[in-house]
Amino acid sequence: MAYGFRSIGYEFLPNAFTTDRELVNAIIANDLDASREAAWKAFIMQYKNLVYSIAVGGFRFRDHDADDVFQAVCFKLVSALHAWEGNGKLSTFVATVTKHACIDKYRRNARRQEESLDVDLLGVNHPLSEERSPEGIAELNERRELVRHVIGSELSERDAGMFRCWVNGSTYEEIAAMYDKTVNNVGVIVTRSKTRVAEAIRRRGA
């Protein structure tokens, strides 16, 4: 059974669950009957805005990333709701699960950026084609590894993250939204980072 919001529709649901405890009990019931399905629909309609507000408003994810977070939260809650003891607000519990899902998504995105890093500094931004010799491919890979190392060692964690975003095609506006900076600040940091990385590579004689 899929519990993603898109899969269940927006149809009107009567307020059949008067407390959070009743709602959760219906969701975690072992039987897959209509009441459990109705409970999931009621739960998602009640908390979807909270999840998206954290993903979009808090973590500044784009729509497609926010959708991924929402789906992850739904699947996490299938098992996580069994651990909810009812001592605090259910909304607080959902917010915590959502924040963890957002952090996981952010880290996955960062890893993908690191893996796809291809910097046009001192001639490192060249595709690996079949026409290249094995020696040329090896040299290019070494240079790319050097650039990655320099970015990590010469820049602060924040500056390195912003610079990687720029290298991978993000606009200044997108980076500014992600890091809660002004566009001008992003421009200054990216320009400064580019200069520092290039100078560090030159010092290494590459």
C-alpha atoms as a PDB file:
ATOM      1  CA  MET A   1       0.000   0.000   0.000  1.00  0.00           C
ATOM      2  CA  ALA A   2       1.393   3.395  -0.958  1.00  0.00           C
ATOM      3  CA  TYR A   3       1.005   6.212   1.527  1.00  0.00           C
ATOM      4  CA  GLY A   4       2.382   9.102  -0.542  1.00  0.00           C
ATOM      5  CA  PHE A   5       0.086  12.119  -0.717  1.00  0.00           C
ATOM      6  CA  ARG A   6      -0.233  12.028  -4.473  1.00  0.00           C
ATOM      7  CA  SER A   7      -1.407   8.411  -4.375  1.00  0.00           C
ATOM      8  CA  ILE A   8      -4.417   8.904  -2.124  1.00  0.00           C
ATOM      9  CA  GLY A   9      -6.074  11.972  -3.530  1.00  0.00           C
ATOM     10  CA  TYR A  10      -7.642  15.021  -1.910  1.00  0.00           C
ATOM     11  CA  GLU A  11     -11.179  13.819  -1.290  1.00  0.00           C
ATOM     12  CA  PHE A  12     -13.035  15.147   1.731  1.00  0.00           C
ATOM     13  CA  LEU A  13     -12.693  13.082   4.882  1.00  0.00           C
ATOM     14  CA  PRO A  14     -14.989  13.306   7.903  1.00  0.00           C
ATOM     15  CA  ASN A  15     -13.305  14.087  11.217  1.00  0.00           C
ATOM     16  CA  ALA A  16     -13.575  10.530  12.496  1.00  0.00           C
ATOM     17  CA  PHE A  17     -10.559  10.732  14.819  1.00  0.00           C
ATOM     18  CA  THR A  18     -11.071  13.024  17.793  1.00  0.00           C
ATOM     19  CA  THR A  19      -7.560  12.676  19.264  1.00  0.00           C
ATOM     20  CA  ASP A  20      -4.034  12.144  17.962  1.00  0.00           C
ATOM     21  CA  ARG A  21      -3.891   8.872  19.898  1.00  0.00           C
ATOM     22  CA  GLU A  22      -6.968   7.549  18.112  1.00  0.00           C
ATOM     23  CA  LEU A  23      -5.509   8.581  14.778  1.00  0.00           C
ATOM     24  CA  VAL A  24      -2.150   6.904  15.405  1.00  0.00           C
ATOM     25  CA  ASN A  25      -3.752   3.751  16.794  1.00  0.00           C
ATOM     26  CA  ALA A  26      -5.800   3.429  13.612  1.00  0.00           C
ATOM     27  CA  ILE A  27      -2.697   3.934  11.464  1.00  0.00           C
ATOM     28  CA  ILE A  28      -0.550   1.342  13.238  1.00  0.00           C
ATOM     29  CA  ALA A  29      -3.314  -1.255  13.395  1.00  0.00           C
ATOM     30  CA  ASN A  30      -2.279  -4.601  11.943  1.00  0.00           C
ATOM     31  CA  ASP A  31      -5.359  -4.981   9.824  1.00  0.00           C
ATOM     32  CA  LEU A  32      -5.368  -3.319   6.401  1.00  0.00           C
ATOM     33  CA  ASP A  33      -8.996  -2.293   6.429  1.00  0.00           C
ATOM     34  CA  ALA A  34     -10.816   0.851   5.350  1.00  0.00           C
ATOM     35  CA  SER A  35     -10.396   2.514   8.746  1.00  0.00           C
ATOM     36  CA  ARG A  36      -6.601   2.340   8.485  1.00  0.00           C
ATOM     37  CA  GLU A  37      -6.694   3.776   4.973  1.00  0.00           C
ATOM     38  CA  ALA A  38      -8.980   6.548   6.179  1.00  0.00           C
ATOM     39  CA  ALA A  39      -6.618   7.228   9.079  1.00  0.00           C
ATOM     40  CA  TRP A  40      -3.663   7.656   6.717  1.00  0.00           C
ATOM     41  CA  LYS A  41      -5.652   9.993   4.521  1.00  0.00           C
ATOM     42  CA  ALA A  42      -6.711  12.050   7.523  1.00  0.00           C
ATOM     43  CA  PHE A  43      -3.158  12.112   8.846  1.00  0.00           C
ATOM     44  CA  ILE A  44      -1.653  13.277   5.551  1.00  0.00           C
ATOM     45  CA  MET A  45      -4.278  15.939   5.003  1.00  0.00           C
ATOM     46  CA  GLN A  46      -3.649  17.224   8.514  1.00  0.00           C
ATOM     47  CA  TYR A  47       0.168  17.292   8.429  1.00  0.00           C
ATOM     48  CA  LYS A  48       1.203  17.688   4.792  1.00  0.00           C
ATOM     49  CA  ASN A  49       1.453  21.467   5.120  1.00  0.00           C
ATOM     50  CA  LEU A  50       3.730  21.102   8.149  1.00  0.00           C
ATOM     51  CA  VAL A  51       6.074  18.793   6.252  1.00  0.00           C
ATOM     52  CA  TYR A  52       6.246  21.060   3.213  1.00  0.00           C
ATOM     53  CA  SER A  53       6.675  24.198   5.310  1.00  0.00           C
ATOM     54  CA  ILE A  54       9.777  22.678   6.920  1.00  0.00           C
ATOM     55  CA  ALA A  55      11.186  21.332   3.643  1.00  0.00           C
ATOM     56  CA  VAL A  56      10.529  24.470   1.589  1.00  0.00           C
ATOM     57  CA  GLY A  57      10.479  27.229   4.169  1.00  0.00           C
ATOM     58  CA  GLY A  58      13.047  25.864   6.593  1.00  0.00           C
ATOM     59  CA  PHE A  59      15.491  24.013   4.336  1.00  0.00           C
ATOM     60  CA  ARG A  60      14.793  25.956   1.125  1.00  0.00           C
ATOM     61  CA  PHE A  61      14.351  22.823  -0.970  1.00  0.00           C
ATOM     62  CA  ARG A  62      12.974  23.163  -4.466  1.00  0.00           C
ATOM     63  CA  ASP A  63       9.610  21.623  -5.245  1.00  0.00           C
ATOM     64  CA  HIS A  64      10.938  18.292  -6.536  1.00  0.00           C
ATOM     65  CA  ASP A  65      13.251  17.905  -3.528  1.00  0.00           C
ATOM     66  CA  ALA A  66      10.412  18.814  -1.163  1.00  0.00           C
ATOM     67  CA  ASP A  67       8.284  16.124  -2.821  1.00  0.00           C
ATOM     68  CA  ASP A  68      11.092  13.617  -2.192  1.00  0.00           C
ATOM     69  CA  VAL A  69      11.228  14.667   1.457  1.00  0.00           C
ATOM     70  CA  PHE A  70       7.475  14.284   1.806  1.00  0.00           C
ATOM     71  CA  GLN A  71       7.548  10.773   0.376  1.00  0.00           C
ATOM     72  CA  ALA A  72      10.456   9.879   2.681  1.00  0.00           C
ATOM     73  CA  VAL A  73       8.550  11.185   5.698  1.00  0.00           C
ATOM     74  CA  CYS A  74       5.505   9.099   4.780  1.00  0.00           C
ATOM     75  CA  PHE A  75       7.562   5.920   4.559  1.00  0.00           C
ATOM     76  CA  LYS A  76       9.501   6.714   7.752  1.00  0.00           C
ATOM     77  CA  LEU A  77       6.268   7.279   9.647  1.00  0.00           C
ATOM     78  CA  VAL A  78       4.956   3.830   8.698  1.00  0.00           C
ATOM     79  CA  SER A  79       7.344   2.447  11.314  1.00  0.00           C
ATOM     80  CA  ALA A  80       8.148   5.573  13.354  1.00  0.00           C
ATOM     81  CA  LEU A  81       4.573   6.085  14.541  1.00  0.00           C
ATOM     82  CA  HIS A  82       4.846   2.837  16.487  1.00  0.00           C
ATOM     83  CA  ALA A  83       7.411   4.610  18.689  1.00  0.00           C
ATOM     84  CA  TRP A  84       5.198   7.624  19.418  1.00  0.00           C
ATOM     85  CA  GLU A  85       4.138   7.329  23.048  1.00  0.00           C
ATOM     86  CA  GLY A  86       1.661  10.171  23.042  1.00  0.00           C
ATOM     87  CA  ASN A  87       3.466  12.206  25.691  1.00  0.00           C
ATOM     88  CA  GLY A  88       4.013  15.177  23.387  1.00  0.00           C
ATOM     89  CA  LYS A  89       2.196  16.691  20.464  1.00  0.00           C
ATOM     90  CA  LEU A  90       1.991  14.580  17.343  1.00  0.00           C
ATOM     91  CA  SER A  91       2.871  17.659  15.293  1.00  0.00           C
ATOM     92  CA  THR A  92       6.171  17.925  17.174  1.00  0.00           C
ATOM     93  CA  PHE A  93       6.914  14.284  16.438  1.00  0.00           C
ATOM     94  CA  VAL A  94       6.131  14.736  12.746  1.00  0.00           C
ATOM     95  CA  ALA A  95       8.287  17.877  12.624  1.00  0.00           C
ATOM     96  CA  THR A  96      11.233  15.968  14.104  1.00  0.00           C
ATOM     97  CA  VAL A  97      10.893  13.147  11.571  1.00  0.00           C
ATOM     98  CA  THR A  98      10.639  15.734   8.796  1.00  0.00           C
ATOM     99  CA  LYS A  99      13.782  17.580   9.907  1.00  0.00           C
ATOM    100  CA  HIS A 100      15.741  14.333   9.942  1.00  0.00           C
ATOM    101  CA  ALA A 101      14.451  13.514   6.453  1.00  0.00           C
ATOM    102  CA  CYS A 102      15.475  16.988   5.262  1.00  0.00           C
ATOM    103  CA  ILE A 103      18.970  16.556   6.686  1.00  0.00           C
ATOM    104  CA  ASP A 104      19.277  13.165   4.968  1.00  0.00           C
ATOM    105  CA  LYS A 105      18.133  14.713   1.687  1.00  0.00           C
ATOM    106  CA  TYR A 106      20.576  17.595   2.036  1.00  0.00           C
ATOM    107  CA  ARG A 107      23.457  15.187   2.657  1.00  0.00           C
ATOM    108  CA  ARG A 108      22.490  13.028  -0.324  1.00  0.00           C
ATOM    109  CA  ASN A 109      22.373  16.098  -2.541  1.00  0.00           C
ATOM    110  CA  ALA A 110      25.761  17.225  -1.240  1.00  0.00           C
ATOM    111  CA  ARG A 111      27.276  13.806  -1.981  1.00  0.00           C
ATOM    112  CA  ARG A 112      25.917  13.903  -5.514  1.00  0.00           C
ATOM    113  CA  GLN A 113      27.380  17.370  -5.994  1.00  0.00           C
ATOM    114  CA  GLU A 114      30.738  16.138  -4.768  1.00  0.00           C
ATOM    115  CA  GLU A 115      30.632  13.114  -7.051  1.00  0.00           C
ATOM    116  CA  SER A 116      29.699  15.185 -10.109  1.00  0.00           C
ATOM    117  CA  LEU A 117      32.158  17.996  -9.418  1.00  0.00           C
ATOM    118  CA  ASP A 118      33.728  19.082 -12.695  1.00  0.00           C
ATOM    119  CA  VAL A 119      35.540  22.395 -12.350  1.00  0.00           C
ATOM    120  CA  ASP A 120      36.684  24.627 -15.199  1.00  0.00           C
ATOM    121  CA  LEU A 121      39.847  25.753 -13.439  1.00  0.00           C
ATOM    122  CA  LEU A 122      43.233  25.575 -15.135  1.00  0.00           C
ATOM    123  CA  GLY A 123      41.866  23.277 -17.820  1.00  0.00           C
ATOM    124  CA  VAL A 124      40.228  20.628 -15.652  1.00  0.00           C
ATOM    125  CA  ASN A 125      36.764  20.885 -17.166  1.00  0.00           C
ATOM    126  CA  HIS A 126      37.090  18.528 -20.118  1.00  0.00           C
ATOM    127  CA  PRO A 127      34.892  15.509 -20.860  1.00  0.00           C
ATOM    128  CA  LEU A 128      36.329  12.041 -20.683  1.00  0.00           C
ATOM    129  CA  SER A 129      35.930  10.806 -24.232  1.00  0.00           C
ATOM    130  CA  GLU A 130      36.980   7.653 -26.029  1.00  0.00           C
ATOM    131  CA  GLU A 131      39.403   9.743 -28.067  1.00  0.00           C
ATOM    132  CA  ARG A 132      41.571  10.437 -25.026  1.00  0.00           C
ATOM    133  CA  SER A 133      44.561   8.247 -24.367  1.00  0.00           C
ATOM    134  CA  PRO A 134      44.717   6.263 -21.104  1.00  0.00           C
ATOM    135  CA  GLU A 135      47.509   8.593 -19.985  1.00  0.00           C
ATOM    136  CA  GLY A 136      45.404  11.663 -20.732  1.00  0.00           C
ATOM    137  CA  ILE A 137      42.423  10.266 -18.848  1.00  0.00           C
ATOM    138  CA  ALA A 138      44.600   9.423 -15.853  1.00  0.00           C
ATOM    139  CA  GLU A 139      46.086  12.928 -15.841  1.00  0.00           C
ATOM    140  CA  LEU A 140      42.666  14.534 -16.035  1.00  0.00           C
ATOM    141  CA  ASN A 141      41.360  12.392 -13.176  1.00  0.00           C
ATOM    142  CA  GLU A 142      44.371  13.349 -11.066  1.00  0.00           C
ATOM    143  CA  ARG A 143      43.729  17.023 -11.745  1.00  0.00           C
ATOM    144  CA  ARG A 144      40.075  16.698 -10.794  1.00  0.00           C
ATOM    145  CA  GLU A 145      41.009  14.963  -7.547  1.00  0.00           C
ATOM    146  CA  LEU A 146      43.452  17.783  -6.853  1.00  0.00           C
ATOM    147  CA  VAL A 147      40.690  20.362  -7.355  1.00  0.00           C
ATOM    148  CA  ARG A 148      38.389  18.481  -4.995  1.00  0.00           C
ATOM    149  CA  HIS A 149      41.141  18.307  -2.390  1.00  0.00           C
ATOM    150  CA  VAL A 150      41.945  21.999  -2.733  1.00  0.00           C
ATOM    151  CA  ILE A 151      38.304  23.017  -2.359  1.00  0.00           C
ATOM    152  CA  GLY A 152      38.031  20.990   0.830  1.00  0.00           C
ATOM    153  CA  SER A 153      41.331  22.166   2.316  1.00  0.00           C
ATOM    154  CA  GLU A 154      41.476  25.825   1.250  1.00  0.00           C
ATOM    155  CA  LEU A 155      37.853  26.858   1.817  1.00  0.00           C
ATOM    156  CA  SER A 156      35.657  26.879   4.877  1.00  0.00           C
ATOM    157  CA  GLU A 157      32.842  24.335   4.991  1.00  0.00           C
ATOM    158  CA  ARG A 158      30.287  27.019   4.118  1.00  0.00           C
ATOM    159  CA  ASP A 159      32.333  28.533   1.287  1.00  0.00           C
ATOM    160  CA  ALA A 160      33.175  25.080  -0.095  1.00  0.00           C
ATOM    161  CA  GLY A 161      29.502  24.128  -0.135  1.00  0.00           C
ATOM    162  CA  MET A 162      28.480  27.334  -1.888  1.00  0.00           C
ATOM    163  CA  PHE A 163      31.330  27.007  -4.386  1.00  0.00           C
ATOM    164  CA  ARG A 164      30.384  23.400  -5.209  1.00  0.00           C
ATOM    165  CA  CYS A 165      26.794  24.503  -5.797  1.00  0.00           C
ATOM    166  CA  TRP A 166      28.020  27.174  -8.217  1.00  0.00           C
ATOM    167  CA  VAL A 167      30.365  24.738  -9.969  1.00  0.00           C
ATOM    168  CA  ASN A 168      27.476  22.338 -10.485  1.00  0.00           C
ATOM    169  CA  GLY A 169      25.298  24.936 -12.148  1.00  0.00           C
ATOM    170  CA  SER A 170      23.295  26.603  -9.370  1.00  0.00           C
ATOM    171  CA  THR A 171      22.643  30.298  -9.873  1.00  0.00           C
ATOM    172  CA  TYR A 172      23.620  32.939  -7.344  1.00  0.00           C
ATOM    173  CA  GLU A 173      19.923  33.381  -6.551  1.00  0.00           C
ATOM    174  CA  GLU A 174      19.470  29.673  -5.832  1.00  0.00           C
ATOM    175  CA  ILE A 175      22.568  29.545  -3.643  1.00  0.00           C
ATOM    176  CA  ALA A 176      21.470  32.674  -1.785  1.00  0.00           C
ATOM    177  CA  ALA A 177      18.122  31.056  -0.975  1.00  0.00           C
ATOM    178  CA  MET A 178      19.775  27.820   0.147  1.00  0.00           C
ATOM    179  CA  TYR A 179      22.286  29.503   2.462  1.00  0.00           C
ATOM    180  CA  ASP A 180      20.140  32.469   3.529  1.00  0.00           C
ATOM    181  CA  LYS A 181      22.564  34.984   2.016  1.00  0.00           C
ATOM    182  CA  THR A 182      22.148  37.929  -0.322  1.00  0.00           C
ATOM    183  CA  VAL A 183      22.961  37.480  -3.992  1.00  0.00           C
ATOM    184  CA  ASN A 184      25.810  39.972  -3.633  1.00  0.00           C
ATOM    185  CA  ASN A 185      27.286  37.975  -0.753  1.00  0.00           C
ATOM    186  CA  VAL A 186      27.163  34.821  -2.823  1.00  0.00           C
ATOM    187  CA  GLY A 187      28.928  36.546  -5.695  1.00  0.00           C
ATOM    188  CA  VAL A 188      31.705  37.760  -3.419  1.00  0.00           C
ATOM    189  CA  ILE A 189      32.177  34.319  -1.833  1.00  0.00           C
ATOM    190  CA  VAL A 190      32.189  32.468  -5.159  1.00  0.00           C
ATOM    191  CA  THR A 191      34.651  34.909  -6.751  1.00  0.00           C
ATOM    192  CA  ARG A 192      36.931  34.773  -3.730  1.00  0.00           C
ATOM    193  CA  SER A 193      36.728  30.980  -3.631  1.00  0.00           C
ATOM    194  CA  LYS A 194      37.533  30.660  -7.327  1.00  0.00           C
ATOM    195  CA  THR A 195      40.635  32.820  -6.868  1.00  0.00           C
ATOM    196  CA  ARG A 196      41.810  30.891  -3.805  1.00  0.00           C
ATOM    197  CA  VAL A 197      41.324  27.517  -5.469  1.00  0.00           C
ATOM    198  CA  ALA A 198      43.135  28.589  -8.639  1.00  0.00           C
ATOM    199  CA  GLU A 199      46.053  30.054  -6.643  1.00  0.00           C
ATOM    200  CA  ALA A 200      46.326  26.894  -4.522  1.00  0.00           C
ATOM    201  CA  ILE A 201      46.474  24.725  -7.625  1.00  0.00           C
ATOM    202  CA  ARG A 202      49.192  26.946  -9.118  1.00  0.00           C
ATOM    203  CA  ARG A 203      51.229  26.700  -5.896  1.00  0.00           C
ATOM    204  CA  ARG A 204      51.154  22.944  -6.252  1.00  0.00           C
ATOM    205  CA  GLY A 205      52.564  23.297  -9.749  1.00  0.00           C
ATOM    206  CA  ALA A 206      49.565  21.658 -11.384  1.00  0.00           C
END
